[in-house]
Amino acid sequence: MPSDSSDNALDQAAKRLDQALVRLEQRMAARIAQAGASADGAADQDRAKLAAELDACRARERELAEAGQQASQALSRAIGELKSALSEPVE
């Protein structure tokens, strides 16, 4: 039969093991939360970067549309002037 001192030592070892497991679980939970927060921060940065790039692309699109409209108007004037010049009688 085991003695009381060996039972007591085994109980103490089991308690220390339980305490160590609790601390390990707490640390793991903290690390997982920290990793999740870091991932969220990176995703937020990516979203912000993409939003800025989208805004820049939309601004460039507006500039190109305006330039296209101006070019179209200039071509229309030039065509009108050519038609007018070609329809004038030659003297």
PDB file of N, CA and C in Angstrom:
ATOM      1  N   MET A   1       0.813  -1.168   0.000  1.00  0.00           N
ATOM      2  CA  MET A   1       0.000   0.000   0.000  1.00  0.00           C
ATOM      3  C   MET A   1       0.867   1.245   0.000  1.00  0.00           C
ATOM      4  N   PRO A   2       0.505   2.254  -0.825  1.00  0.00           N
ATOM      5  CA  PRO A   2       1.281   3.469  -0.818  1.00  0.00           C
ATOM      6  C   PRO A   2       1.064   4.234   0.468  1.00  0.00           C
ATOM      7  N   SER A   3       2.077   4.964   0.839  1.00  0.00           N
ATOM      8  CA  SER A   3       1.985   5.741   2.068  1.00  0.00           C
ATOM      9  C   SER A   3       1.280   7.056   1.809  1.00  0.00           C
ATOM     10  N   ASP A   4       0.908   7.715   2.887  1.00  0.00           N
ATOM     11  CA  ASP A   4       0.227   9.009   2.786  1.00  0.00           C
ATOM     12  C   ASP A   4       1.119  10.044   2.138  1.00  0.00           C
ATOM     13  N   SER A   5       2.420   9.981   2.383  1.00  0.00           N
ATOM     14  CA  SER A   5       3.329  10.975   1.829  1.00  0.00           C
ATOM     15  C   SER A   5       3.412  10.844   0.312  1.00  0.00           C
ATOM     16  N   SER A   6       3.363   9.622  -0.221  1.00  0.00           N
ATOM     17  CA  SER A   6       3.404   9.467  -1.678  1.00  0.00           C
ATOM     18  C   SER A   6       2.093   9.907  -2.294  1.00  0.00           C
ATOM     19  N   ASP A   7       0.968   9.646  -1.609  1.00  0.00           N
ATOM     20  CA  ASP A   7      -0.333  10.136  -2.093  1.00  0.00           C
ATOM     21  C   ASP A   7      -0.345  11.654  -2.081  1.00  0.00           C
ATOM     22  N   ASN A   8       0.183  12.249  -1.015  1.00  0.00           N
ATOM     23  CA  ASN A   8       0.231  13.689  -0.884  1.00  0.00           C
ATOM     24  C   ASN A   8       1.121  14.292  -1.980  1.00  0.00           C
ATOM     25  N   ALA A   9       2.252  13.673  -2.260  1.00  0.00           N
ATOM     26  CA  ALA A   9       3.161  14.156  -3.295  1.00  0.00           C
ATOM     27  C   ALA A   9       2.509  14.046  -4.664  1.00  0.00           C
ATOM     28  N   LEU A  10       1.782  12.955  -4.893  1.00  0.00           N
ATOM     29  CA  LEU A  10       1.084  12.768  -6.165  1.00  0.00           C
ATOM     30  C   LEU A  10      -0.020  13.811  -6.317  1.00  0.00           C
ATOM     31  N   ASP A  11      -0.755  14.073  -5.271  1.00  0.00           N
ATOM     32  CA  ASP A  11      -1.808  15.104  -5.307  1.00  0.00           C
ATOM     33  C   ASP A  11      -1.213  16.470  -5.604  1.00  0.00           C
ATOM     34  N   GLN A  12      -0.098  16.781  -4.967  1.00  0.00           N
ATOM     35  CA  GLN A  12       0.554  18.078  -5.195  1.00  0.00           C
ATOM     36  C   GLN A  12       1.051  18.188  -6.646  1.00  0.00           C
ATOM     37  N   ALA A  13       1.594  17.099  -7.152  1.00  0.00           N
ATOM     38  CA  ALA A  13       2.072  17.099  -8.542  1.00  0.00           C
ATOM     39  C   ALA A  13       0.894  17.286  -9.504  1.00  0.00           C
ATOM     40  N   ALA A  14      -0.228  16.642  -9.209  1.00  0.00           N
ATOM     41  CA  ALA A  14      -1.415  16.781 -10.049  1.00  0.00           C
ATOM     42  C   ALA A  14      -1.943  18.213 -10.008  1.00  0.00           C
ATOM     43  N   LYS A  15      -1.921  18.830  -8.853  1.00  0.00           N
ATOM     44  CA  LYS A  15      -2.366  20.218  -8.717  1.00  0.00           C
ATOM     45  C   LYS A  15      -1.448  21.160  -9.503  1.00  0.00           C
ATOM     46  N   ARG A  16      -0.135  20.929  -9.402  1.00  0.00           N
ATOM     47  CA  ARG A  16       0.816  21.770 -10.146  1.00  0.00           C
ATOM     48  C   ARG A  16       0.600  21.609 -11.657  1.00  0.00           C
ATOM     49  N   LEU A  17       0.342  20.364 -12.063  1.00  0.00           N
ATOM     50  CA  LEU A  17       0.086  20.108 -13.474  1.00  0.00           C
ATOM     51  C   LEU A  17      -1.198  20.821 -13.927  1.00  0.00           C
ATOM     52  N   ASP A  18      -2.241  20.755 -13.125  1.00  0.00           N
ATOM     53  CA  ASP A  18      -3.492  21.454 -13.452  1.00  0.00           C
ATOM     54  C   ASP A  18      -3.268  22.956 -13.550  1.00  0.00           C
ATOM     55  N   GLN A  19      -2.505  23.524 -12.629  1.00  0.00           N
ATOM     56  CA  GLN A  19      -2.227  24.953 -12.643  1.00  0.00           C
ATOM     57  C   GLN A  19      -1.415  25.341 -13.880  1.00  0.00           C
ATOM     58  N   ALA A  20      -0.462  24.495 -14.222  1.00  0.00           N
ATOM     59  CA  ALA A  20       0.354  24.762 -15.410  1.00  0.00           C
ATOM     60  C   ALA A  20      -0.505  24.711 -16.669  1.00  0.00           C
ATOM     61  N   LEU A  21      -1.429  23.764 -16.728  1.00  0.00           N
ATOM     62  CA  LEU A  21      -2.321  23.668 -17.884  1.00  0.00           C
ATOM     63  C   LEU A  21      -3.232  24.884 -17.979  1.00  0.00           C
ATOM     64  N   VAL A  22      -3.730  25.358 -16.859  1.00  0.00           N
ATOM     65  CA  VAL A  22      -4.575  26.553 -16.853  1.00  0.00           C
ATOM     66  C   VAL A  22      -3.792  27.752 -17.381  1.00  0.00           C
ATOM     67  N   ARG A  23      -2.542  27.923 -16.895  1.00  0.00           N
ATOM     68  CA  ARG A  23      -1.719  29.036 -17.368  1.00  0.00           C
ATOM     69  C   ARG A  23      -1.424  28.905 -18.867  1.00  0.00           C
ATOM     70  N   LEU A  24      -1.154  27.690 -19.309  1.00  0.00           N
ATOM     71  CA  LEU A  24      -0.884  27.457 -20.726  1.00  0.00           C
ATOM     72  C   LEU A  24      -2.104  27.802 -21.576  1.00  0.00           C
ATOM     73  N   GLU A  25      -3.273  27.389 -21.146  1.00  0.00           N
ATOM     74  CA  GLU A  25      -4.499  27.699 -21.885  1.00  0.00           C
ATOM     75  C   GLU A  25      -4.742  29.204 -21.937  1.00  0.00           C
ATOM     76  N   GLN A  26      -4.478  29.895 -20.829  1.00  0.00           N
ATOM     77  CA  GLN A  26      -4.653  31.346 -20.807  1.00  0.00           C
ATOM     78  C   GLN A  26      -3.696  32.031 -21.774  1.00  0.00           C
ATOM     79  N   ARG A  27      -2.442  31.590 -21.766  1.00  0.00           N
ATOM     80  CA  ARG A  27      -1.457  32.178 -22.678  1.00  0.00           C
ATOM     81  C   ARG A  27      -1.810  31.899 -24.131  1.00  0.00           C
ATOM     82  N   MET A  28      -2.279  30.689 -24.400  1.00  0.00           N
ATOM     83  CA  MET A  28      -2.671  30.353 -25.777  1.00  0.00           C
ATOM     84  C   MET A  28      -3.846  31.219 -26.224  1.00  0.00           C
ATOM     85  N   ALA A  29      -4.812  31.397 -25.342  1.00  0.00           N
ATOM     86  CA  ALA A  29      -5.969  32.232 -25.678  1.00  0.00           C
ATOM     87  C   ALA A  29      -5.537  33.668 -25.951  1.00  0.00           C
ATOM     88  N   ALA A  30      -4.595  34.175 -25.136  1.00  0.00           N
ATOM     89  CA  ALA A  30      -4.099  35.539 -25.352  1.00  0.00           C
ATOM     90  C   ALA A  30      -3.361  35.642 -26.683  1.00  0.00           C
ATOM     91  N   ARG A  31      -2.546  34.645 -27.013  1.00  0.00           N
ATOM     92  CA  ARG A  31      -1.809  34.657 -28.284  1.00  0.00           C
ATOM     93  C   ARG A  31      -2.761  34.577 -29.474  1.00  0.00           C
ATOM     94  N   ILE A  32      -3.784  33.752 -29.352  1.00  0.00           N
ATOM     95  CA  ILE A  32      -4.768  33.633 -30.441  1.00  0.00           C
ATOM     96  C   ILE A  32      -5.496  34.956 -30.628  1.00  0.00           C
ATOM     97  N   ALA A  33      -5.873  35.589 -29.539  1.00  0.00           N
ATOM     98  CA  ALA A  33      -6.548  36.897 -29.625  1.00  0.00           C
ATOM     99  C   ALA A  33      -5.627  37.932 -30.243  1.00  0.00           C
ATOM    100  N   GLN A  34      -4.357  37.907 -29.848  1.00  0.00           N
ATOM    101  CA  GLN A  34      -3.386  38.861 -30.392  1.00  0.00           C
ATOM    102  C   GLN A  34      -3.184  38.622 -31.885  1.00  0.00           C
ATOM    103  N   ALA A  35      -3.084  37.372 -32.284  1.00  0.00           N
ATOM    104  CA  ALA A  35      -2.915  37.050 -33.707  1.00  0.00           C
ATOM    105  C   ALA A  35      -4.138  37.482 -34.504  1.00  0.00           C
ATOM    106  N   GLY A  36      -5.317  37.288 -33.930  1.00  0.00           N
ATOM    107  CA  GLY A  36      -6.539  37.718 -34.606  1.00  0.00           C
ATOM    108  C   GLY A  36      -6.585  39.224 -34.772  1.00  0.00           C
ATOM    109  N   ALA A  37      -6.159  39.954 -33.749  1.00  0.00           N
ATOM    110  CA  ALA A  37      -6.146  41.414 -33.824  1.00  0.00           C
ATOM    111  C   ALA A  37      -5.148  41.879 -34.879  1.00  0.00           C
ATOM    112  N   SER A  38      -4.001  41.206 -34.952  1.00  0.00           N
ATOM    113  CA  SER A  38      -3.004  41.567 -35.967  1.00  0.00           C
ATOM    114  C   SER A  38      -3.539  41.313 -37.365  1.00  0.00           C
ATOM    115  N   ALA A  39      -4.222  40.202 -37.525  1.00  0.00           N
ATOM    116  CA  ALA A  39      -4.791  39.874 -38.841  1.00  0.00           C
ATOM    117  C   ALA A  39      -5.862  40.882 -39.222  1.00  0.00           C
ATOM    118  N   ASP A  40      -6.686  41.279 -38.251  1.00  0.00           N
ATOM    119  CA  ASP A  40      -7.718  42.285 -38.537  1.00  0.00           C
ATOM    120  C   ASP A  40      -7.080  43.605 -38.929  1.00  0.00           C
ATOM    121  N   GLY A  41      -6.005  43.981 -38.244  1.00  0.00           N
ATOM    122  CA  GLY A  41      -5.309  45.224 -38.567  1.00  0.00           C
ATOM    123  C   GLY A  41      -4.736  45.191 -39.969  1.00  0.00           C
ATOM    124  N   ALA A  42      -4.172  44.064 -40.356  1.00  0.00           N
ATOM    125  CA  ALA A  42      -3.610  43.922 -41.704  1.00  0.00           C
ATOM    126  C   ALA A  42      -4.718  43.992 -42.744  1.00  0.00           C
ATOM    127  N   ALA A  43      -5.843  43.359 -42.448  1.00  0.00           N
ATOM    128  CA  ALA A  43      -6.969  43.392 -43.381  1.00  0.00           C
ATOM    129  C   ALA A  43      -7.501  44.815 -43.523  1.00  0.00           C
ATOM    130  N   ASP A  44      -7.546  45.543 -42.406  1.00  0.00           N
ATOM    131  CA  ASP A  44      -7.995  46.941 -42.461  1.00  0.00           C
ATOM    132  C   ASP A  44      -7.044  47.780 -43.310  1.00  0.00           C
ATOM    133  N   GLN A  45      -5.747  47.534 -43.168  1.00  0.00           N
ATOM    134  CA  GLN A  45      -4.765  48.271 -43.975  1.00  0.00           C
ATOM    135  C   GLN A  45      -4.935  47.931 -45.458  1.00  0.00           C
ATOM    136  N   ASP A  46      -5.158  46.656 -45.747  1.00  0.00           N
ATOM    137  CA  ASP A  46      -5.365  46.247 -47.138  1.00  0.00           C
ATOM    138  C   ASP A  46      -6.612  46.909 -47.710  1.00  0.00           C
ATOM    139  N   ARG A  47      -7.697  46.915 -46.923  1.00  0.00           N
ATOM    140  CA  ARG A  47      -8.933  47.556 -47.380  1.00  0.00           C
ATOM    141  C   ARG A  47      -8.720  49.036 -47.631  1.00  0.00           C
ATOM    142  N   ALA A  48      -8.016  49.701 -46.736  1.00  0.00           N
ATOM    143  CA  ALA A  48      -7.761  51.132 -46.887  1.00  0.00           C
ATOM    144  C   ALA A  48      -6.918  51.399 -48.129  1.00  0.00           C
ATOM    145  N   LYS A  49      -5.913  50.571 -48.360  1.00  0.00           N
ATOM    146  CA  LYS A  49      -5.067  50.731 -49.540  1.00  0.00           C
ATOM    147  C   LYS A  49      -5.873  50.520 -50.819  1.00  0.00           C
ATOM    148  N   LEU A  50      -6.701  49.488 -50.826  1.00  0.00           N
ATOM    149  CA  LEU A  50      -7.529  49.224 -52.006  1.00  0.00           C
ATOM    150  C   LEU A  50      -8.535  50.350 -52.240  1.00  0.00           C
ATOM    151  N   ALA A  51      -9.095  50.889 -51.173  1.00  0.00           N
ATOM    152  CA  ALA A  51     -10.048  51.993 -51.309  1.00  0.00           C
ATOM    153  C   ALA A  51      -9.355  53.223 -51.891  1.00  0.00           C
ATOM    154  N   ALA A  52      -8.143  53.492 -51.444  1.00  0.00           N
ATOM    155  CA  ALA A  52      -7.391  54.640 -51.971  1.00  0.00           C
ATOM    156  C   ALA A  52      -7.065  54.432 -53.453  1.00  0.00           C
ATOM    157  N   GLU A  53      -6.669  53.206 -53.811  1.00  0.00           N
ATOM    158  CA  GLU A  53      -6.374  52.913 -55.210  1.00  0.00           C
ATOM    159  C   GLU A  53      -7.629  53.034 -56.075  1.00  0.00           C
ATOM    160  N   LEU A  54      -8.761  52.580 -55.550  1.00  0.00           N
ATOM    161  CA  LEU A  54     -10.022  52.695 -56.280  1.00  0.00           C
ATOM    162  C   LEU A  54     -10.391  54.155 -56.490  1.00  0.00           C
ATOM    163  N   ASP A  55     -10.237  54.971 -55.455  1.00  0.00           N
ATOM    164  CA  ASP A  55     -10.519  56.402 -55.589  1.00  0.00           C
ATOM    165  C   ASP A  55      -9.630  57.040 -56.655  1.00  0.00           C
ATOM    166  N   ALA A  56      -8.351  56.672 -56.657  1.00  0.00           N
ATOM    167  CA  ALA A  56      -7.422  57.219 -57.654  1.00  0.00           C
ATOM    168  C   ALA A  56      -7.821  56.779 -59.060  1.00  0.00           C
ATOM    169  N   CYS A  57      -8.229  55.536 -59.205  1.00  0.00           N
ATOM    170  CA  CYS A  57      -8.658  55.029 -60.521  1.00  0.00           C
ATOM    171  C   CYS A  57      -9.929  55.739 -60.996  1.00  0.00           C
ATOM    172  N   ARG A  58     -10.845  55.973 -60.073  1.00  0.00           N
ATOM    173  CA  ARG A  58     -12.081  56.671 -60.457  1.00  0.00           C
ATOM    174  C   ARG A  58     -11.790  58.108 -60.859  1.00  0.00           C
ATOM    175  N   ALA A  59     -10.861  58.761 -60.165  1.00  0.00           N
ATOM    176  CA  ALA A  59     -10.482  60.131 -60.527  1.00  0.00           C
ATOM    177  C   ALA A  59      -9.848  60.138 -61.914  1.00  0.00           C
ATOM    178  N   ARG A  60      -8.982  59.170 -62.175  1.00  0.00           N
ATOM    179  CA  ARG A  60      -8.342  59.067 -63.497  1.00  0.00           C
ATOM    180  C   ARG A  60      -9.387  58.779 -64.578  1.00  0.00           C
ATOM    181  N   GLU A  61     -10.370  57.968 -64.253  1.00  0.00           N
ATOM    182  CA  GLU A  61     -11.449  57.674 -65.201  1.00  0.00           C
ATOM    183  C   GLU A  61     -12.213  58.954 -65.560  1.00  0.00           C
ATOM    184  N   ARG A  62     -12.506  59.782 -64.548  1.00  0.00           N
ATOM    185  CA  ARG A  62     -13.203  61.049 -64.803  1.00  0.00           C
ATOM    186  C   ARG A  62     -12.355  61.957 -65.695  1.00  0.00           C
ATOM    187  N   GLU A  63     -11.045  62.015 -65.397  1.00  0.00           N
ATOM    188  CA  GLU A  63     -10.148  62.838 -66.218  1.00  0.00           C
ATOM    189  C   GLU A  63     -10.133  62.356 -67.670  1.00  0.00           C
ATOM    190  N   LEU A  64     -10.066  61.058 -67.856  1.00  0.00           N
ATOM    191  CA  LEU A  64     -10.039  60.504 -69.216  1.00  0.00           C
ATOM    192  C   LEU A  64     -11.362  60.736 -69.940  1.00  0.00           C
ATOM    193  N   ALA A  65     -12.471  60.621 -69.213  1.00  0.00           N
ATOM    194  CA  ALA A  65     -13.776  60.866 -69.821  1.00  0.00           C
ATOM    195  C   ALA A  65     -13.892  62.329 -70.257  1.00  0.00           C
ATOM    196  N   GLU A  66     -13.412  63.235 -69.421  1.00  0.00           N
ATOM    197  CA  GLU A  66     -13.445  64.660 -69.764  1.00  0.00           C
ATOM    198  C   GLU A  66     -12.551  64.937 -70.978  1.00  0.00           C
ATOM    199  N   ALA A  67     -11.356  64.341 -70.992  1.00  0.00           N
ATOM    200  CA  ALA A  67     -10.449  64.524 -72.134  1.00  0.00           C
ATOM    201  C   ALA A  67     -11.068  63.952 -73.404  1.00  0.00           C
ATOM    202  N   GLY A  68     -11.739  62.825 -73.297  1.00  0.00           N
ATOM    203  CA  GLY A  68     -12.420  62.231 -74.446  1.00  0.00           C
ATOM    204  C   GLY A  68     -13.532  63.125 -74.961  1.00  0.00           C
ATOM    205  N   GLN A  69     -14.274  63.718 -74.050  1.00  0.00           N
ATOM    206  CA  GLN A  69     -15.349  64.626 -74.442  1.00  0.00           C
ATOM    207  C   GLN A  69     -14.784  65.863 -75.141  1.00  0.00           C
ATOM    208  N   GLN A  70     -13.706  66.404 -74.604  1.00  0.00           N
ATOM    209  CA  GLN A  70     -13.082  67.565 -75.234  1.00  0.00           C
ATOM    210  C   GLN A  70     -12.541  67.213 -76.620  1.00  0.00           C
ATOM    211  N   ALA A  71     -11.959  66.040 -76.748  1.00  0.00           N
ATOM    212  CA  ALA A  71     -11.443  65.611 -78.052  1.00  0.00           C
ATOM    213  C   ALA A  71     -12.587  65.426 -79.042  1.00  0.00           C
ATOM    214  N   SER A  72     -13.684  64.871 -78.573  1.00  0.00           N
ATOM    215  CA  SER A  72     -14.846  64.675 -79.435  1.00  0.00           C
ATOM    216  C   SER A  72     -15.396  66.015 -79.917  1.00  0.00           C
ATOM    217  N   GLN A  73     -15.474  66.989 -79.019  1.00  0.00           N
ATOM    218  CA  GLN A  73     -15.957  68.315 -79.398  1.00  0.00           C
ATOM    219  C   GLN A  73     -15.007  68.970 -80.410  1.00  0.00           C
ATOM    220  N   ALA A  74     -13.703  68.820 -80.189  1.00  0.00           N
ATOM    221  CA  ALA A  74     -12.724  69.392 -81.112  1.00  0.00           C
ATOM    222  C   ALA A  74     -12.841  68.742 -82.483  1.00  0.00           C
ATOM    223  N   LEU A  75     -13.037  67.422 -82.520  1.00  0.00           N
ATOM    224  CA  LEU A  75     -13.209  66.724 -83.802  1.00  0.00           C
ATOM    225  C   LEU A  75     -14.486  67.181 -84.507  1.00  0.00           C
ATOM    226  N   SER A  76     -15.539  67.358 -83.733  1.00  0.00           N
ATOM    227  CA  SER A  76     -16.793  67.819 -84.331  1.00  0.00           C
ATOM    228  C   SER A  76     -16.621  69.201 -84.948  1.00  0.00           C
ATOM    229  N   ARG A  77     -15.921  70.097 -84.258  1.00  0.00           N
ATOM    230  CA  ARG A  77     -15.678  71.433 -84.818  1.00  0.00           C
ATOM    231  C   ARG A  77     -14.831  71.332 -86.091  1.00  0.00           C
ATOM    232  N   ALA A  78     -13.797  70.495 -86.031  1.00  0.00           N
ATOM    233  CA  ALA A  78     -12.917  70.346 -87.194  1.00  0.00           C
ATOM    234  C   ALA A  78     -13.687  69.774 -88.385  1.00  0.00           C
ATOM    235  N   ILE A  79     -14.546  68.815 -88.146  1.00  0.00           N
ATOM    236  CA  ILE A  79     -15.358  68.236 -89.230  1.00  0.00           C
ATOM    237  C   ILE A  79     -16.288  69.297 -89.797  1.00  0.00           C
ATOM    238  N   GLY A  80     -16.889  70.080 -88.915  1.00  0.00           N
ATOM    239  CA  GLY A  80     -17.770  71.156 -89.378  1.00  0.00           C
ATOM    240  C   GLY A  80     -17.021  72.166 -90.225  1.00  0.00           C
ATOM    241  N   GLU A  81     -15.828  72.530 -89.790  1.00  0.00           N
ATOM    242  CA  GLU A  81     -15.029  73.481 -90.560  1.00  0.00           C
ATOM    243  C   GLU A  81     -14.623  72.891 -91.911  1.00  0.00           C
ATOM    244  N   LEU A  82     -14.275  71.608 -91.927  1.00  0.00           N
ATOM    245  CA  LEU A  82     -13.922  70.954 -93.194  1.00  0.00           C
ATOM    246  C   LEU A  82     -15.119  70.896 -94.135  1.00  0.00           C
ATOM    247  N   LYS A  83     -16.274  70.555 -93.627  1.00  0.00           N
ATOM    248  CA  LYS A  83     -17.480  70.504 -94.460  1.00  0.00           C
ATOM    249  C   LYS A  83     -17.790  71.887 -95.015  1.00  0.00           C
ATOM    250  N   SER A  84     -17.655  72.877 -94.153  1.00  0.00           N
ATOM    251  CA  SER A  84     -17.917  74.246 -94.591  1.00  0.00           C
ATOM    252  C   SER A  84     -16.939  74.654 -95.678  1.00  0.00           C
ATOM    253  N   ALA A  85     -15.680  74.331 -95.461  1.00  0.00           N
ATOM    254  CA  ALA A  85     -14.635  74.679 -96.451  1.00  0.00           C
ATOM    255  C   ALA A  85     -14.873  73.936 -97.762  1.00  0.00           C
ATOM    256  N   LEU A  86     -15.290  72.699 -97.698  1.00  0.00           N
ATOM    257  CA  LEU A  86     -15.507  71.910 -98.914  1.00  0.00           C
ATOM    258  C   LEU A  86     -16.783  72.315 -99.649  1.00  0.00           C
ATOM    259  N   SER A  87     -17.723  72.869 -98.943  1.00  0.00           N
ATOM    260  CA  SER A  87     -18.970  73.259 -99.593  1.00  0.00           C
ATOM    261  C   SER A  87     -18.911  74.663-100.203  1.00  0.00           C
ATOM    262  N   GLU A  88     -17.883  75.432 -99.878  1.00  0.00           N
ATOM    263  CA  GLU A  88     -17.732  76.758-100.461  1.00  0.00           C
ATOM    264  C   GLU A  88     -17.344  76.628-101.931  1.00  0.00           C
ATOM    265  N   PRO A  89     -17.943  77.460-102.730  1.00  0.00           N
ATOM    266  CA  PRO A  89     -17.570  77.403-104.156  1.00  0.00           C
ATOM    267  C   PRO A  89     -16.136  77.881-104.378  1.00  0.00           C
ATOM    268  N   VAL A  90     -15.486  77.252-105.313  1.00  0.00           N
ATOM    269  CA  VAL A  90     -14.120  77.609-105.633  1.00  0.00           C
ATOM    270  C   VAL A  90     -14.160  78.749-106.642  1.00  0.00           C
ATOM    271  N   GLU A  91     -13.422  79.775-106.430  1.00  0.00           N
ATOM    272  CA  GLU A  91     -13.436  80.920-107.344  1.00  0.00           C
ATOM    273  C   GLU A  91     -12.282  80.914-108.288  1.00  0.00           C
TER     274      GLU A  91
END
